[in-house]
Amino acid sequence: MKHGDIWYVTFGPDKTDETAESMARSTRTFKSEIDAKLFAMQILAKGLTASAGTLNPHQPKQVVGPAQIEQWADPGLGG
């Protein structure tokens, strides 16, 4: 984690995709929510699943699960 990063995006293959089982989940960290959203959109465009949130000790704590990430990341959907 880089100094000053506040947001993370964890990503990997869809659990229902048996052809991608060998790909491990990964996490990247970001200084801003906008950067995290842009990265999440790139991950979703590749057909991967993702979740995001704020890193401790940042407050208020925010967690964006896989079911909400597309709406959170896409400004056209209210993100």
N, C-alpha and C. Protein backbone atom coordinates (compact mmCIF):
# COMPACT_ATOMS: atom_id res chain seq x y z
N MET A 1 0.85 -1.18 0.00
CA MET A 1 0.00 0.00 0.00
C MET A 1 0.89 1.24 0.00
N LYS A 2 0.58 2.17 -0.88
CA LYS A 2 1.34 3.41 -0.97
C LYS A 2 0.86 4.38 0.09
N HIS A 3 1.77 5.20 0.59
CA HIS A 3 1.43 6.20 1.59
C HIS A 3 0.36 7.15 1.07
N GLY A 4 -0.68 7.36 1.83
CA GLY A 4 -1.73 8.28 1.45
C GLY A 4 -2.89 7.66 0.69
N ASP A 5 -2.79 6.37 0.38
CA ASP A 5 -3.91 5.73 -0.31
C ASP A 5 -5.07 5.57 0.65
N ILE A 6 -6.27 5.79 0.13
CA ILE A 6 -7.48 5.74 0.93
C ILE A 6 -8.41 4.63 0.46
N TRP A 7 -8.46 4.37 -0.84
CA TRP A 7 -9.41 3.42 -1.44
C TRP A 7 -8.70 2.18 -1.92
N TYR A 8 -9.42 1.06 -1.94
CA TYR A 8 -8.92 -0.17 -2.54
C TYR A 8 -9.97 -0.72 -3.52
N VAL A 9 -9.50 -1.47 -4.50
CA VAL A 9 -10.37 -2.25 -5.38
C VAL A 9 -9.76 -3.65 -5.42
N THR A 10 -10.56 -4.63 -5.03
CA THR A 10 -10.17 -6.03 -5.10
C THR A 10 -10.88 -6.64 -6.29
N PHE A 11 -10.15 -7.43 -7.08
CA PHE A 11 -10.74 -7.94 -8.31
C PHE A 11 -10.21 -9.33 -8.64
N GLY A 12 -10.98 -10.04 -9.44
CA GLY A 12 -10.59 -11.38 -9.86
C GLY A 12 -11.66 -11.97 -10.74
N PRO A 13 -11.50 -13.23 -11.09
CA PRO A 13 -12.48 -13.87 -11.97
C PRO A 13 -13.81 -14.07 -11.25
N ASP A 14 -14.85 -14.14 -12.03
CA ASP A 14 -16.17 -14.47 -11.50
C ASP A 14 -16.10 -15.89 -10.96
N LYS A 15 -16.60 -16.11 -9.75
CA LYS A 15 -16.52 -17.43 -9.13
C LYS A 15 -17.23 -18.50 -9.94
N THR A 16 -18.16 -18.10 -10.80
CA THR A 16 -18.87 -19.08 -11.62
C THR A 16 -18.10 -19.41 -12.90
N ASP A 17 -17.01 -18.70 -13.18
CA ASP A 17 -16.20 -18.92 -14.39
C ASP A 17 -15.13 -19.97 -14.09
N GLU A 18 -15.40 -21.21 -14.43
CA GLU A 18 -14.47 -22.30 -14.13
C GLU A 18 -13.18 -22.21 -14.93
N THR A 19 -13.17 -21.52 -16.06
CA THR A 19 -11.96 -21.41 -16.87
C THR A 19 -10.96 -20.44 -16.26
N ALA A 20 -11.39 -19.61 -15.32
CA ALA A 20 -10.51 -18.61 -14.73
C ALA A 20 -10.09 -18.98 -13.31
N GLU A 21 -10.25 -20.23 -12.93
CA GLU A 21 -9.95 -20.64 -11.57
C GLU A 21 -8.51 -20.38 -11.17
N SER A 22 -7.59 -20.44 -12.11
CA SER A 22 -6.18 -20.28 -11.77
C SER A 22 -5.80 -18.82 -11.51
N MET A 23 -6.65 -17.89 -11.88
CA MET A 23 -6.34 -16.48 -11.66
C MET A 23 -6.68 -16.10 -10.22
N ALA A 24 -5.70 -15.57 -9.52
CA ALA A 24 -5.90 -15.18 -8.13
C ALA A 24 -6.56 -13.80 -8.05
N ARG A 25 -7.22 -13.56 -6.93
CA ARG A 25 -7.77 -12.23 -6.68
C ARG A 25 -6.61 -11.31 -6.36
N SER A 26 -6.73 -10.05 -6.75
CA SER A 26 -5.70 -9.04 -6.52
C SER A 26 -6.35 -7.79 -5.96
N THR A 27 -5.53 -6.95 -5.38
CA THR A 27 -6.01 -5.68 -4.82
C THR A 27 -5.07 -4.56 -5.23
N ARG A 28 -5.65 -3.43 -5.62
CA ARG A 28 -4.88 -2.21 -5.88
C ARG A 28 -5.43 -1.12 -4.99
N THR A 29 -4.57 -0.20 -4.60
CA THR A 29 -4.99 0.91 -3.75
C THR A 29 -4.86 2.23 -4.50
N PHE A 30 -5.64 3.22 -4.06
CA PHE A 30 -5.74 4.50 -4.76
C PHE A 30 -5.85 5.64 -3.76
N LYS A 31 -5.37 6.80 -4.19
CA LYS A 31 -5.44 8.00 -3.36
C LYS A 31 -6.83 8.62 -3.36
N SER A 32 -7.62 8.39 -4.42
CA SER A 32 -8.93 9.04 -4.50
C SER A 32 -10.01 8.05 -4.92
N GLU A 33 -11.23 8.38 -4.57
CA GLU A 33 -12.38 7.57 -4.96
C GLU A 33 -12.55 7.57 -6.48
N ILE A 34 -12.27 8.69 -7.11
CA ILE A 34 -12.40 8.78 -8.57
C ILE A 34 -11.45 7.80 -9.26
N ASP A 35 -10.20 7.75 -8.80
CA ASP A 35 -9.23 6.81 -9.39
C ASP A 35 -9.69 5.37 -9.18
N ALA A 36 -10.22 5.07 -8.00
CA ALA A 36 -10.72 3.72 -7.73
C ALA A 36 -11.89 3.38 -8.64
N LYS A 37 -12.78 4.34 -8.85
CA LYS A 37 -13.94 4.11 -9.73
C LYS A 37 -13.50 3.86 -11.17
N LEU A 38 -12.55 4.64 -11.65
CA LEU A 38 -12.06 4.46 -13.02
C LEU A 38 -11.43 3.07 -13.20
N PHE A 39 -10.64 2.66 -12.22
CA PHE A 39 -10.03 1.34 -12.30
C PHE A 39 -11.10 0.24 -12.23
N ALA A 40 -12.07 0.40 -11.35
CA ALA A 40 -13.14 -0.59 -11.23
C ALA A 40 -13.89 -0.74 -12.55
N MET A 41 -14.13 0.35 -13.25
CA MET A 41 -14.82 0.27 -14.55
C MET A 41 -13.99 -0.52 -15.55
N GLN A 42 -12.67 -0.35 -15.54
CA GLN A 42 -11.79 -1.11 -16.43
C GLN A 42 -11.86 -2.60 -16.10
N ILE A 43 -11.88 -2.93 -14.83
CA ILE A 43 -11.95 -4.33 -14.39
C ILE A 43 -13.28 -4.94 -14.81
N LEU A 44 -14.37 -4.22 -14.59
CA LEU A 44 -15.69 -4.73 -14.97
C LEU A 44 -15.80 -4.93 -16.48
N ALA A 45 -15.17 -4.04 -17.26
CA ALA A 45 -15.20 -4.15 -18.72
C ALA A 45 -14.48 -5.42 -19.19
N LYS A 46 -13.54 -5.92 -18.38
CA LYS A 46 -12.82 -7.15 -18.72
C LYS A 46 -13.60 -8.40 -18.31
N GLY A 47 -14.75 -8.21 -17.70
CA GLY A 47 -15.57 -9.34 -17.28
C GLY A 47 -15.19 -9.93 -15.94
N LEU A 48 -14.37 -9.21 -15.18
CA LEU A 48 -13.98 -9.67 -13.86
C LEU A 48 -14.95 -9.13 -12.82
N THR A 49 -14.93 -9.72 -11.63
CA THR A 49 -15.73 -9.19 -10.54
C THR A 49 -14.85 -8.31 -9.67
N ALA A 50 -15.47 -7.40 -8.95
CA ALA A 50 -14.71 -6.48 -8.12
C ALA A 50 -15.54 -6.06 -6.91
N SER A 51 -14.83 -5.61 -5.90
CA SER A 51 -15.42 -4.94 -4.76
C SER A 51 -14.46 -3.82 -4.38
N ALA A 52 -14.93 -2.88 -3.60
CA ALA A 52 -14.09 -1.72 -3.27
C ALA A 52 -14.44 -1.22 -1.88
N GLY A 53 -13.63 -0.30 -1.40
CA GLY A 53 -13.92 0.31 -0.11
C GLY A 53 -12.77 1.19 0.33
N THR A 54 -12.94 1.74 1.52
CA THR A 54 -11.91 2.59 2.10
C THR A 54 -11.01 1.75 3.00
N LEU A 55 -9.76 2.15 3.06
CA LEU A 55 -8.77 1.47 3.89
C LEU A 55 -8.83 2.01 5.32
N ASN A 56 -8.54 1.14 6.27
CA ASN A 56 -8.43 1.59 7.66
C ASN A 56 -7.20 2.48 7.78
N PRO A 57 -7.18 3.51 8.54
CA PRO A 57 -8.20 3.95 9.49
C PRO A 57 -9.12 5.03 8.91
N HIS A 58 -9.21 5.13 7.59
CA HIS A 58 -10.02 6.19 6.99
C HIS A 58 -11.47 6.10 7.45
N GLN A 59 -12.03 7.23 7.78
CA GLN A 59 -13.43 7.31 8.22
C GLN A 59 -14.16 8.33 7.37
N PRO A 60 -15.39 8.17 7.02
CA PRO A 60 -16.22 7.03 7.37
C PRO A 60 -15.86 5.83 6.52
N LYS A 61 -15.95 4.66 7.12
CA LYS A 61 -15.66 3.41 6.44
C LYS A 61 -16.72 3.17 5.37
N GLN A 62 -16.27 2.84 4.16
CA GLN A 62 -17.20 2.53 3.07
C GLN A 62 -16.80 1.20 2.45
N VAL A 63 -17.80 0.37 2.17
CA VAL A 63 -17.59 -0.91 1.51
C VAL A 63 -18.57 -1.01 0.36
N VAL A 64 -18.06 -1.35 -0.81
CA VAL A 64 -18.88 -1.51 -2.01
C VAL A 64 -18.74 -2.96 -2.46
N GLY A 65 -19.81 -3.72 -2.31
CA GLY A 65 -19.78 -5.12 -2.68
C GLY A 65 -19.94 -5.33 -4.17
N PRO A 66 -19.72 -6.55 -4.63
CA PRO A 66 -19.84 -6.85 -6.05
C PRO A 66 -21.21 -6.51 -6.65
N ALA A 67 -22.25 -6.62 -5.87
CA ALA A 67 -23.60 -6.33 -6.37
C ALA A 67 -23.82 -4.83 -6.60
N GLN A 68 -23.07 -3.99 -5.92
CA GLN A 68 -23.23 -2.54 -6.04
C GLN A 68 -22.14 -1.84 -6.82
N ILE A 69 -21.08 -2.55 -7.17
CA ILE A 69 -19.89 -1.86 -7.70
C ILE A 69 -20.15 -1.18 -9.04
N GLU A 70 -20.93 -1.78 -9.90
CA GLU A 70 -21.17 -1.15 -11.20
C GLU A 70 -21.90 0.17 -11.03
N GLN A 71 -22.89 0.22 -10.19
CA GLN A 71 -23.63 1.46 -9.95
C GLN A 71 -22.73 2.49 -9.27
N TRP A 72 -21.89 2.07 -8.34
CA TRP A 72 -20.98 2.97 -7.65
C TRP A 72 -19.95 3.57 -8.60
N ALA A 73 -19.42 2.75 -9.49
CA ALA A 73 -18.31 3.19 -10.36
C ALA A 73 -18.76 3.97 -11.58
N ASP A 74 -19.96 3.74 -12.06
CA ASP A 74 -20.43 4.35 -13.31
C ASP A 74 -21.21 5.62 -13.03
N PRO A 75 -20.68 6.80 -13.43
CA PRO A 75 -21.40 8.05 -13.18
C PRO A 75 -22.75 8.10 -13.85
N GLY A 76 -22.92 7.38 -14.95
CA GLY A 76 -24.19 7.36 -15.66
C GLY A 76 -25.27 6.60 -14.90
N LEU A 77 -24.82 5.76 -13.93
CA LEU A 77 -25.77 4.99 -13.14
C LEU A 77 -25.94 5.58 -11.74
N GLY A 78 -25.40 6.76 -11.53
CA GLY A 78 -25.56 7.44 -10.25
C GLY A 78 -24.38 7.30 -9.33
N GLY A 79 -23.25 6.78 -9.84
CA GLY A 79 -22.06 6.58 -9.00
C GLY A 79 -21.24 7.81 -8.83
